[in-house]
Protein backbone atom coordinates (compact mmCIF):
# COMPACT_ATOMS: atom_id res chain seq x y z
CA MET A 1 -13.91 20.40 -0.81
CA LYS A 2 -17.28 18.89 -0.03
CA ARG A 3 -17.79 18.59 -4.00
CA LEU A 4 -14.48 16.83 -4.17
CA SER A 5 -15.23 14.28 -1.48
CA LEU A 6 -18.37 13.31 -3.26
CA ILE A 7 -16.31 12.61 -6.34
CA PHE A 8 -13.65 10.69 -4.48
CA ALA A 9 -16.49 8.50 -2.78
CA ALA A 10 -18.16 7.92 -6.17
CA LEU A 11 -14.67 6.86 -7.82
CA LEU A 12 -14.03 4.50 -4.72
CA LEU A 13 -17.39 2.76 -4.83
CA THR A 14 -18.34 2.61 -8.46
CA SER A 15 -15.59 2.57 -10.82
CA VAL A 16 -14.41 -0.43 -12.62
CA VAL A 17 -10.67 -0.33 -13.40
CA VAL A 18 -8.62 -3.42 -14.71
CA SER A 19 -5.22 -3.53 -13.21
CA CYS A 20 -2.70 -6.15 -11.89
CA GLY A 21 -3.71 -5.31 -8.59
CA GLY A 22 -7.04 -6.67 -8.17
CA GLY A 23 -9.00 -7.10 -11.50
CA GLU A 24 -12.37 -5.60 -11.66
CA THR A 25 -13.48 -3.85 -8.51
CA THR A 26 -16.98 -4.47 -7.45
CA THR A 27 -19.80 -1.97 -8.07
CA THR A 28 -22.01 -1.40 -4.99
CA PRO A 29 -25.63 -1.82 -6.18
CA GLU A 30 -26.54 0.77 -3.52
CA THR A 31 -24.47 3.57 -5.17
CA THR A 32 -25.17 5.68 -7.97
CA ALA A 33 -22.83 8.36 -9.57
CA ALA A 34 -22.62 10.78 -12.35
CA ASP A 35 -19.45 11.22 -14.42
CA VAL A 36 -16.45 12.52 -12.62
CA GLY A 37 -16.12 16.20 -13.46
CA THR A 38 -19.97 17.14 -12.89
CA GLU A 39 -22.07 17.51 -9.57
CA THR A 40 -22.11 13.88 -8.37
CA THR A 41 -24.74 12.32 -5.89
CA VAL A 42 -23.69 9.42 -3.86
CA GLU A 43 -26.13 7.49 -1.60
CA THR A 44 -23.83 5.45 0.33
CA GLU A 45 -24.26 7.56 3.62
CA ASP A 46 -27.98 6.72 3.83
CA THR A 47 -28.45 3.46 1.95
CA PHE A 48 -25.17 1.37 2.46
CA ASP A 49 -25.69 -1.10 5.39
CA PRO A 50 -22.10 -2.35 6.68
CA PHE A 51 -24.00 -4.93 8.74
CA ALA A 52 -26.00 -6.31 5.99
CA GLY A 53 -25.82 -10.26 5.95
CA LEU A 54 -24.16 -10.47 9.54
CA PRO A 55 -25.84 -11.95 12.46
CA GLU A 56 -27.44 -10.04 15.30
CA LYS A 57 -25.40 -10.27 18.21
CA ASP A 58 -25.03 -8.50 21.64
CA TYR A 59 -21.49 -9.39 23.28
CA GLY A 60 -22.23 -8.13 26.71
CA GLY A 61 -19.40 -5.46 26.67
CA TYR A 62 -16.53 -7.75 25.36
CA ASP A 63 -13.30 -6.10 25.20
CA PHE A 64 -12.20 -6.18 21.28
CA HIS A 65 -8.55 -5.64 22.24
CA MET A 66 -6.05 -4.94 19.68
CA LEU A 67 -2.13 -4.94 19.59
CA LEU A 68 -0.98 -1.93 17.60
CA ARG A 69 2.53 -0.61 16.62
CA ASN A 70 3.94 2.03 18.85
CA ASN A 71 3.66 4.76 16.38
CA PRO A 72 0.86 7.23 15.81
CA ARG A 73 1.06 6.58 12.03
CA TRP A 74 -0.26 3.02 12.84
CA ILE A 75 -2.40 3.47 15.72
CA GLU A 76 -4.55 6.16 14.33
CA ASP A 77 -5.36 3.81 11.42
CA MET A 78 -7.14 1.75 13.94
CA TYR A 79 -7.91 3.70 17.17
CA ILE A 80 -9.03 7.40 17.82
CA GLU A 81 -10.06 8.51 21.37
CA ALA A 82 -12.65 11.05 20.43
CA ALA A 83 -13.85 12.95 17.58
CA SER A 84 -12.07 16.11 17.23
CA GLY A 85 -13.03 17.71 13.82
CA GLU A 86 -10.19 15.89 11.69
CA ILE A 87 -11.90 14.14 8.70
CA VAL A 88 -10.10 10.79 8.80
CA ASP A 89 -9.91 10.69 12.78
CA ASP A 90 -13.59 11.37 12.96
CA ALA A 91 -14.14 8.40 10.35
CA ILE A 92 -12.12 6.01 12.35
CA PHE A 93 -13.91 6.91 15.51
CA GLU A 94 -17.34 6.86 13.93
CA ARG A 95 -16.29 3.19 12.68
CA ASN A 96 -15.56 2.15 15.98
CA SER A 97 -18.45 3.74 17.69
CA LEU A 98 -20.89 2.15 15.19
CA ILE A 99 -19.44 -1.26 16.07
CA SER A 100 -19.49 -0.83 19.75
CA GLU A 101 -22.97 0.19 19.72
CA LYS A 102 -24.13 -2.43 17.20
CA TYR A 103 -22.72 -5.49 18.92
CA ASN A 104 -22.15 -4.16 22.54
CA VAL A 105 -18.47 -4.26 22.61
CA THR A 106 -15.47 -2.00 23.82
CA ILE A 107 -12.65 -1.45 20.98
CA THR A 108 -9.60 -0.86 23.09
CA TYR A 109 -5.61 -1.24 22.13
CA GLN A 110 -2.32 -1.65 23.70
CA PRO A 111 0.81 -0.24 21.89
CA SER A 112 3.58 -2.77 21.19
CA SER A 113 7.10 -2.53 22.46
CA HIS A 114 8.31 -1.43 19.13
CA ASP A 115 7.32 1.10 16.58
CA ASN A 116 7.98 -0.96 13.41
CA THR A 117 8.50 -4.87 13.27
CA GLU A 118 7.25 -6.04 16.75
CA THR A 119 6.01 -9.61 17.46
CA ASP A 120 5.20 -9.05 21.07
CA ALA A 121 1.94 -11.63 20.75
CA VAL A 122 4.01 -14.55 20.08
CA THR A 123 4.43 -15.09 24.10
CA SER A 124 0.88 -15.02 24.66
CA ILE A 125 -0.24 -17.07 21.99
CA LEU A 126 2.37 -19.87 22.92
CA ALA A 127 1.12 -19.46 26.37
CA GLY A 128 -2.51 -20.21 25.18
CA ASP A 129 -3.64 -16.93 26.36
CA ASP A 130 -6.52 -15.01 24.30
CA ALA A 131 -4.72 -11.53 24.81
CA TYR A 132 -5.48 -9.87 21.71
CA SER A 133 -8.39 -10.12 19.41
CA LEU A 134 -6.45 -8.62 16.50
CA VAL A 135 -2.83 -8.05 15.85
CA MET A 136 -2.01 -5.37 13.24
CA ALA A 137 1.66 -5.94 12.56
CA HIS A 138 4.28 -4.48 10.08
CA GLY A 139 3.70 -6.83 6.89
CA ARG A 140 6.89 -8.90 7.54
CA ALA A 141 5.99 -9.18 11.51
CA ALA A 142 2.59 -10.59 10.22
CA PHE A 143 4.20 -13.78 8.36
CA SER A 144 6.62 -13.94 11.12
CA TYR A 145 3.51 -14.91 13.06
CA ALA A 146 1.91 -17.02 10.09
CA ASN A 147 5.30 -18.97 9.49
CA GLN A 148 5.16 -20.13 13.10
CA GLY A 149 1.63 -21.41 12.67
CA LEU A 150 0.25 -18.94 15.32
CA VAL A 151 -2.72 -17.46 13.47
CA LEU A 152 -6.05 -18.35 12.21
CA ASP A 153 -6.78 -19.26 8.51
CA TRP A 154 -8.95 -16.64 6.88
CA ASN A 155 -10.41 -18.93 4.66
CA THR A 156 -11.73 -21.48 6.81
CA GLU A 157 -11.61 -20.22 10.46
CA LEU A 158 -13.30 -16.79 10.39
CA PRO A 159 -16.88 -17.69 9.35
CA CYS A 160 -18.43 -14.19 9.09
CA VAL A 161 -15.70 -12.61 7.08
CA ASN A 162 -16.88 -12.61 3.37
CA LEU A 163 -13.31 -12.30 1.29
CA ASP A 164 -15.37 -11.83 -2.03
CA ASN A 165 -16.67 -8.44 -0.87
CA PRO A 166 -15.02 -5.39 -2.42
CA TRP A 167 -13.45 -4.24 0.84
CA TRP A 168 -11.14 -7.06 0.88
CA ASP A 169 -7.96 -6.66 -1.10
CA GLN A 170 -8.01 -9.45 -3.89
CA ASP A 171 -4.63 -9.08 -4.79
CA ALA A 172 -3.52 -9.92 -1.05
CA ARG A 173 -5.92 -12.75 -0.89
CA LYS A 174 -4.44 -14.31 -3.86
CA SER A 175 -0.91 -13.71 -3.09
CA PHE A 176 -0.73 -14.27 0.65
CA SER A 177 -2.26 -17.79 0.01
CA ILE A 178 0.02 -20.80 0.16
CA ASN A 179 -1.59 -24.21 -0.18
CA ASN A 180 -4.93 -22.54 0.00
CA ARG A 181 -4.36 -21.33 3.66
CA LEU A 182 -4.43 -17.79 4.16
CA TYR A 183 -3.01 -16.49 7.41
CA VAL A 184 -2.30 -12.86 6.79
CA MET A 185 -4.96 -10.46 5.09
CA ILE A 186 -5.80 -7.08 4.63
CA GLY A 187 -8.68 -4.74 3.38
CA ASP A 188 -10.27 -1.47 3.88
CA LEU A 189 -10.49 -1.80 8.00
CA SER A 190 -7.04 -0.14 7.51
CA TYR A 191 -6.76 3.07 5.21
CA CYS A 192 -3.02 2.32 5.50
CA SER A 193 -3.41 -0.41 2.86
CA MET A 194 -4.00 2.77 0.50
CA GLY A 195 -1.50 4.94 2.51
CA ALA A 196 1.40 2.82 2.10
CA ALA A 197 0.72 2.46 -1.97
CA ASN A 198 3.28 3.91 -3.86
CA LEU A 199 2.46 6.94 -6.16
CA MET A 200 4.21 9.54 -8.25
CA LEU A 201 3.85 13.33 -8.14
CA PHE A 202 4.88 15.74 -10.89
CA ASN A 203 5.74 19.66 -10.89
CA LYS A 204 2.97 21.28 -12.83
CA GLN A 205 5.16 24.47 -12.78
CA MET A 206 8.14 22.70 -14.32
CA PHE A 207 5.95 20.69 -16.98
CA GLN A 208 4.90 24.15 -18.02
CA ASP A 209 8.27 25.30 -18.10
CA LEU A 210 9.63 22.51 -20.29
CA ASP A 211 6.55 22.56 -22.51
CA LEU A 212 5.18 19.27 -21.48
CA GLU A 213 1.57 18.11 -21.31
CA TYR A 214 0.32 16.88 -17.97
CA PRO A 215 0.44 13.23 -17.93
CA TYR A 216 -3.23 12.36 -16.86
CA GLN A 217 -4.50 11.87 -20.60
CA LEU A 218 -1.32 9.50 -21.12
CA VAL A 219 -2.37 7.58 -18.02
CA LYS A 220 -6.25 7.41 -19.03
CA ASP A 221 -5.11 6.00 -22.65
CA GLY A 222 -2.85 3.40 -21.29
CA LYS A 223 0.34 5.11 -22.74
CA TRP A 224 2.07 6.34 -19.25
CA THR A 225 4.87 3.98 -19.91
CA TYR A 226 8.28 3.77 -18.49
CA GLU A 227 10.00 5.05 -21.79
CA THR A 228 7.72 8.29 -21.66
CA TRP A 229 8.36 8.88 -18.37
CA GLU A 230 12.10 8.30 -18.45
CA THR A 231 12.42 10.57 -21.49
CA MET A 232 10.72 13.45 -19.51
CA ALA A 233 12.95 12.80 -16.35
CA LYS A 234 16.11 12.88 -18.19
CA GLY A 235 15.30 16.33 -19.94
CA ALA A 236 14.64 18.19 -16.58
CA ALA A 237 17.86 18.20 -14.53
CA MET A 238 19.74 21.37 -14.36
CA ASP A 239 22.74 22.87 -12.49
CA LEU A 240 20.99 25.93 -10.97
CA ASN A 241 23.94 27.47 -9.17
CA GLY A 242 26.35 27.14 -12.07
CA ASP A 243 29.21 25.34 -9.96
CA GLY A 244 29.42 22.37 -12.57
CA THR A 245 27.89 19.59 -10.31
CA ILE A 246 24.49 18.56 -9.75
CA SER A 247 23.76 18.29 -6.12
CA LYS A 248 20.90 17.80 -3.69
CA GLU A 249 21.19 20.94 -1.87
CA TYR A 250 21.09 23.70 -4.88
CA ASP A 251 20.14 22.06 -8.26
CA ARG A 252 17.24 20.34 -10.08
CA TYR A 253 16.70 16.94 -10.92
CA GLY A 254 14.14 15.01 -13.30
CA TYR A 255 13.32 12.34 -10.64
CA VAL A 256 13.95 12.06 -6.59
CA THR A 257 13.09 8.95 -4.71
CA GLN A 258 13.95 6.90 -1.67
CA LYS A 259 15.51 3.77 -1.55
CA TRP A 260 12.36 1.99 -0.15
CA VAL A 261 9.87 3.49 -2.84
CA GLY A 262 11.58 3.77 -6.27
CA PRO A 263 13.75 0.54 -6.41
CA VAL A 264 10.89 -1.58 -5.24
CA GLN A 265 8.53 0.07 -7.31
CA ALA A 266 10.70 -0.18 -10.36
CA PHE A 267 10.71 -4.05 -9.96
CA ALA A 268 7.02 -4.25 -9.24
CA THR A 269 5.56 -1.87 -11.87
CA SER A 270 7.21 -4.05 -14.33
CA GLY A 271 4.79 -7.07 -13.50
CA LEU A 272 7.64 -8.90 -11.73
CA ARG A 273 7.30 -10.79 -8.54
CA VAL A 274 9.85 -12.10 -6.20
CA VAL A 275 7.73 -15.18 -5.46
CA SER A 276 4.88 -16.47 -7.84
CA LYS A 277 2.68 -19.48 -7.35
CA ASP A 278 2.02 -22.65 -9.32
CA ASP A 279 -1.35 -24.02 -10.05
CA ASP A 280 -1.47 -25.84 -6.64
CA ASP A 281 -0.93 -22.53 -4.76
CA ILE A 282 2.49 -23.59 -3.93
CA PRO A 283 5.04 -20.61 -4.14
CA TYR A 284 8.42 -20.65 -5.98
CA ILE A 285 11.06 -17.68 -6.34
CA SER A 286 10.46 -16.19 -9.61
CA ILE A 287 12.59 -12.75 -9.18
CA MET A 288 15.33 -14.02 -11.81
CA SER A 289 14.54 -13.57 -15.89
CA ASP A 290 15.90 -11.69 -18.55
CA LYS A 291 13.20 -9.11 -18.15
CA THR A 292 14.31 -8.64 -14.34
CA VAL A 293 17.88 -7.93 -15.63
CA GLU A 294 16.60 -5.45 -18.29
CA VAL A 295 14.54 -3.42 -15.74
CA PHE A 296 17.34 -3.57 -13.25
CA ASN A 297 20.05 -1.95 -15.78
CA ARG A 298 17.65 0.41 -17.01
CA TYR A 299 16.68 1.79 -13.72
CA PHE A 300 20.03 1.87 -12.23
CA ASP A 301 21.29 3.75 -15.30
CA LEU A 302 18.63 6.49 -14.29
CA ILE A 303 19.23 6.66 -10.47
CA GLU A 304 23.03 6.73 -11.04
CA SER A 305 23.02 9.56 -13.34
CA ASP A 306 22.88 13.20 -12.76
CA ASP A 307 19.10 13.28 -13.69
CA ALA A 308 18.22 11.63 -10.26
CA PHE A 309 18.64 11.61 -6.42
CA VAL A 310 18.10 8.33 -4.26
CA ASP A 311 17.92 9.10 -0.38
CA THR A 312 19.26 6.23 1.48
CA GLY A 313 17.46 6.79 4.57
CA ASP A 314 16.14 4.11 6.62
CA LEU A 315 12.53 5.13 6.47
CA SER A 316 10.48 5.45 3.29
CA TYR A 317 9.35 9.00 4.71
CA SER A 318 12.89 10.28 5.08
CA ALA A 319 13.33 13.83 4.55
CA ASP A 320 16.03 14.75 2.09
CA PHE A 321 14.15 13.64 -1.20
CA ILE A 322 10.89 15.38 -0.10
CA LYS A 323 12.49 18.66 0.59
CA ILE A 324 13.85 18.60 -2.80
CA PHE A 325 10.60 18.26 -4.39
CA GLU A 326 8.83 20.79 -1.87
CA GLU A 327 11.50 23.34 -3.11
CA GLY A 328 10.49 22.90 -6.67
CA ARG A 329 13.72 21.28 -7.66
CA SER A 330 12.54 18.04 -9.22
CA LEU A 331 10.14 17.25 -12.10
CA PHE A 332 8.99 14.12 -10.43
CA ILE A 333 8.86 12.39 -7.18
CA ASP A 334 7.61 8.82 -5.93
CA MET A 335 6.31 8.36 -2.41
CA ASN A 336 3.62 6.17 -0.51
CA MET A 337 0.41 8.17 -0.73
CA HIS A 338 0.36 8.70 3.19
CA ASP A 339 3.34 11.16 2.72
CA VAL A 340 1.43 13.27 0.30
CA GLU A 341 -0.02 15.10 3.39
CA THR A 342 3.64 16.38 4.04
CA MET A 343 3.18 18.61 0.83
CA ARG A 344 0.37 20.55 2.26
CA ASP A 345 2.48 23.99 2.45
CA MET A 346 4.03 23.40 -0.95
CA ASP A 347 3.73 26.55 -2.98
CA THR A 348 3.91 25.04 -6.15
CA ASP A 349 1.13 22.87 -7.74
CA PHE A 350 1.78 19.23 -8.27
CA GLY A 351 -0.39 16.33 -9.63
CA ILE A 352 -0.73 12.62 -8.75
CA VAL A 353 -0.20 9.97 -11.23
CA PRO A 354 0.36 6.04 -10.83
CA TRP A 355 3.88 4.94 -11.48
CA PRO A 356 4.18 4.17 -15.21
CA LYS A 357 4.00 0.78 -16.45
CA TYR A 358 6.29 -1.42 -18.44
CA ASP A 359 4.99 -0.85 -21.57
CA GLU A 360 1.62 -0.15 -23.37
CA ALA A 361 0.59 -3.72 -23.31
CA ALA A 362 1.38 -3.81 -19.53
CA GLU A 363 -1.08 -3.00 -16.70
CA TYR A 364 -0.42 -0.50 -14.25
CA CYS A 365 0.97 -2.05 -10.85
CA THR A 366 1.40 -0.24 -7.49
CA ASN A 367 3.56 -1.89 -4.80
CA VAL A 368 2.03 -1.43 -1.30
CA ASP A 369 4.88 -0.79 1.27
CA ALA A 370 5.37 -3.71 3.60
CA GLY A 371 5.54 -1.54 6.41
CA THR A 372 1.72 -1.10 6.12
CA ASN A 373 -0.56 -2.65 8.67
CA MET A 374 -1.42 -6.28 8.14
CA CYS A 375 -3.89 -8.19 9.94
CA VAL A 376 -3.57 -11.42 11.66
CA ILE A 377 -5.73 -13.27 14.31
CA PRO A 378 -4.28 -15.19 17.21
CA MET A 379 -5.01 -19.11 16.98
CA THR A 380 -5.92 -18.56 20.83
CA ALA A 381 -9.15 -16.61 19.91
CA THR A 382 -12.02 -18.07 21.84
CA ASP A 383 -14.70 -16.93 19.69
CA PRO A 384 -13.46 -16.80 15.98
CA GLU A 385 -17.05 -16.07 14.76
CA ARG A 386 -17.06 -13.05 16.94
CA THR A 387 -14.07 -11.59 15.80
CA SER A 388 -15.04 -12.58 11.99
CA ILE A 389 -18.27 -10.22 12.54
CA ILE A 390 -16.34 -7.45 13.86
CA LEU A 391 -13.51 -7.59 11.31
CA GLU A 392 -16.19 -7.83 8.46
CA ALA A 393 -18.20 -4.78 9.74
CA MET A 394 -14.71 -2.89 10.22
CA SER A 395 -13.98 -3.27 6.62
CA ALA A 396 -17.41 -2.66 5.35
CA ILE A 397 -17.53 0.82 7.22
CA GLY A 398 -14.00 1.31 6.26
CA TYR A 399 -14.87 0.88 2.47
CA SER A 400 -18.08 3.16 2.96
CA LYS A 401 -16.71 5.92 5.26
CA VAL A 402 -13.04 5.98 5.90
CA LEU A 403 -11.43 5.45 2.39
CA PRO A 404 -13.54 8.42 1.00
CA ALA A 405 -12.64 10.49 3.85
CA TYR A 406 -8.70 9.55 3.53
CA TYR A 407 -9.09 10.50 -0.30
CA GLU A 408 -10.27 13.87 0.66
CA VAL A 409 -7.27 14.32 2.87
CA ALA A 410 -4.94 12.95 0.34
CA LEU A 411 -5.96 15.66 -2.18
CA GLN A 412 -6.76 18.48 0.38
CA THR A 413 -3.36 20.28 -0.30
CA LYS A 414 -3.91 23.22 -2.18
CA ALA A 415 -1.27 21.89 -4.71
CA SER A 416 -3.09 18.69 -5.73
CA ARG A 417 -6.67 19.85 -5.29
CA ASP A 418 -7.98 18.75 -8.81
CA ASN A 419 -10.24 16.18 -10.24
CA ASP A 420 -7.72 14.56 -12.44
CA SER A 421 -5.70 13.41 -9.53
CA ALA A 422 -8.95 12.16 -7.88
CA GLU A 423 -9.37 9.91 -10.63
CA MET A 424 -5.58 8.94 -10.48
CA LEU A 425 -5.89 7.94 -6.89
CA ASP A 426 -8.62 5.38 -8.00
CA ILE A 427 -6.55 3.91 -10.72
CA ILE A 428 -3.73 3.46 -7.99
CA LYS A 429 -6.15 1.81 -5.61
CA ALA A 430 -7.03 -0.79 -8.12
CA ALA A 431 -3.46 -1.37 -9.15
CA ARG A 432 -2.05 -2.36 -5.63
CA ILE A 433 -0.08 -5.53 -5.71
CA TYR A 434 1.19 -7.50 -2.57
CA ASP A 435 4.36 -9.74 -3.55
CA LEU A 436 4.43 -12.53 -1.29
CA GLY A 437 8.42 -12.53 -1.44
CA TYR A 438 8.55 -8.99 -0.65
CA TYR A 439 6.37 -9.74 2.59
CA ASN A 440 7.27 -12.91 3.48
CA TYR A 441 11.07 -12.68 4.19
CA GLU A 442 11.48 -16.51 4.77
CA THR A 443 10.03 -17.37 1.60
CA SER A 444 12.99 -15.42 -0.36
CA MET A 445 15.57 -14.22 1.95
CA ALA A 446 18.17 -12.10 0.20
CA PHE A 447 15.69 -11.44 -2.64
CA ASN A 448 12.87 -10.00 -0.59
CA ASN A 449 14.39 -6.38 -0.87
CA GLU A 450 14.61 -6.80 -4.64
CA PHE A 451 16.87 -3.83 -6.07
CA VAL A 452 17.18 -2.19 -2.72
CA ASN A 453 20.16 -4.55 -1.96
CA PHE A 454 22.36 -2.89 -4.63
CA ILE A 455 21.93 0.57 -2.88
CA ASP A 456 22.29 -0.76 0.66
CA THR A 457 25.43 -2.81 -0.42
CA PRO A 458 27.61 -0.93 -3.24
CA SER A 459 29.98 -3.63 -3.03
CA LEU A 460 27.68 -5.90 -5.03
CA GLY A 461 28.18 -3.66 -8.25
CA ARG A 462 25.95 -3.97 -10.84
CA ASN A 463 25.91 -7.77 -11.59
CA PHE A 464 22.41 -8.97 -10.75
CA THR A 465 22.75 -12.30 -12.17
CA SER A 466 25.86 -13.08 -10.14
CA TRP A 467 24.24 -11.97 -6.87
CA TYR A 468 21.06 -14.18 -7.80
CA GLU A 469 23.22 -17.19 -8.35
CA LYS A 470 25.12 -16.79 -4.98
CA ASN A 471 21.83 -16.59 -3.01
CA ILE A 472 19.21 -18.80 -4.72
CA LYS A 473 20.25 -21.93 -2.85
CA ALA A 474 19.74 -20.26 0.46
CA ALA A 475 16.57 -18.82 -0.43
CA ASN A 476 15.17 -22.16 -1.70
CA LYS A 477 16.05 -23.76 1.38
CA SER A 478 14.35 -21.21 3.44
CA LEU A 479 11.34 -21.52 1.24
CA GLU A 480 11.07 -25.26 1.85
CA LYS A 481 11.21 -24.96 5.47
CA VAL A 482 8.29 -22.42 5.32
CA LEU A 483 6.41 -24.80 3.09
CA LYS A 484 6.18 -27.28 5.88
CA GLU A 485 4.10 -25.16 8.08
CA TYR A 486 1.54 -24.88 4.89
CA LEU A 487 1.78 -28.53 3.89
CA ASP A 488 1.26 -30.48 7.06
């Protein structure tokens, strides 16, 4: 695993992957690496300086106080009480300790009143209190703060944050900006930005049984397409108990998913966006097109057949669809990367690949679940420079230490421990997208859940065009209201 962790770090810090997520990732000059699959030397541990370019400061014990959602899944992304021997936890603890020592600050947190979409800081901000240095919110809650004008602009009000650095996500930067104002941002200060990325797993034993070649080379050659994947999935279902029906309890599927994963990813991976921007950085609703209808019909033809199972639970990490794959009864499953850890005890080997792209001419796209941690800085911050220095250092250390550790844990299951899956994760990281209309509910209203609406509300039937026409007026009206905050 030590050798694998070096490979992951090398992939994270040195590769150049073109995708719809962020274009080219920047090569860090201080890092050198040999080809994947050979022994790799990564110099980041000794030569990468996360504080380079930042001013020397002593903040006299300042309490950098964070508001975090009251759930270990989100708290442990930002705060660990003490080193414990757990790889990722120790990397988080080391990151915070380095910053505390460097700038003489104490990093603390307060759990929110809710484990998901809280907006607890609104009251203190409206009261003018500098209660929280950083709010790490659900993606949609983050935009609730932004749409009320309660947070700082990352472009102009955080002077020591350099968004050109590779530890800031460039697609989020581009997508979340409205009229060149950027109120919500994410980067490698949160490993959840990778953990919430959708990916696909395949059952290696079933591939062998069906005489299929692992899709790794197809991914590398740019030939891992929806059509190729769909053909594989449709040929794998089987009535294992011979009762004449395909059921989640006993039988085999070609593909299993969850309503907050596959339906969202089917839309995003096709290069579609709920909301796009014009040349002046002004958003407009772009969900409707002939391509949208084609992708919608094609995907629902699959998931409504016996070849697939859709878990309709409220959380993207619901149990039913994961259980089917763990028991070796599905050729494919898609999930958030964070949930790959739940496969640790799976007996059958599996591999990791990105979701297939629309066609060979397209690029790989990976939706990042809106439930991930998103950063907003309250407008009541008394020293934005201090905040920006700490944020920049957090992200730089996350880039050089935490993300490589997180890669290692993601592939630490005995079933996925291979170099090809490590390379796939790097492609997935570069392909991440953040659709403004999916995150910012008020810019798109009914459209922000894309295809999920048709699973939650069966009465809608399968007429996407009719549904769009019924909702576009209200959505445009809501978008106009949001724009007033950004255009004043």
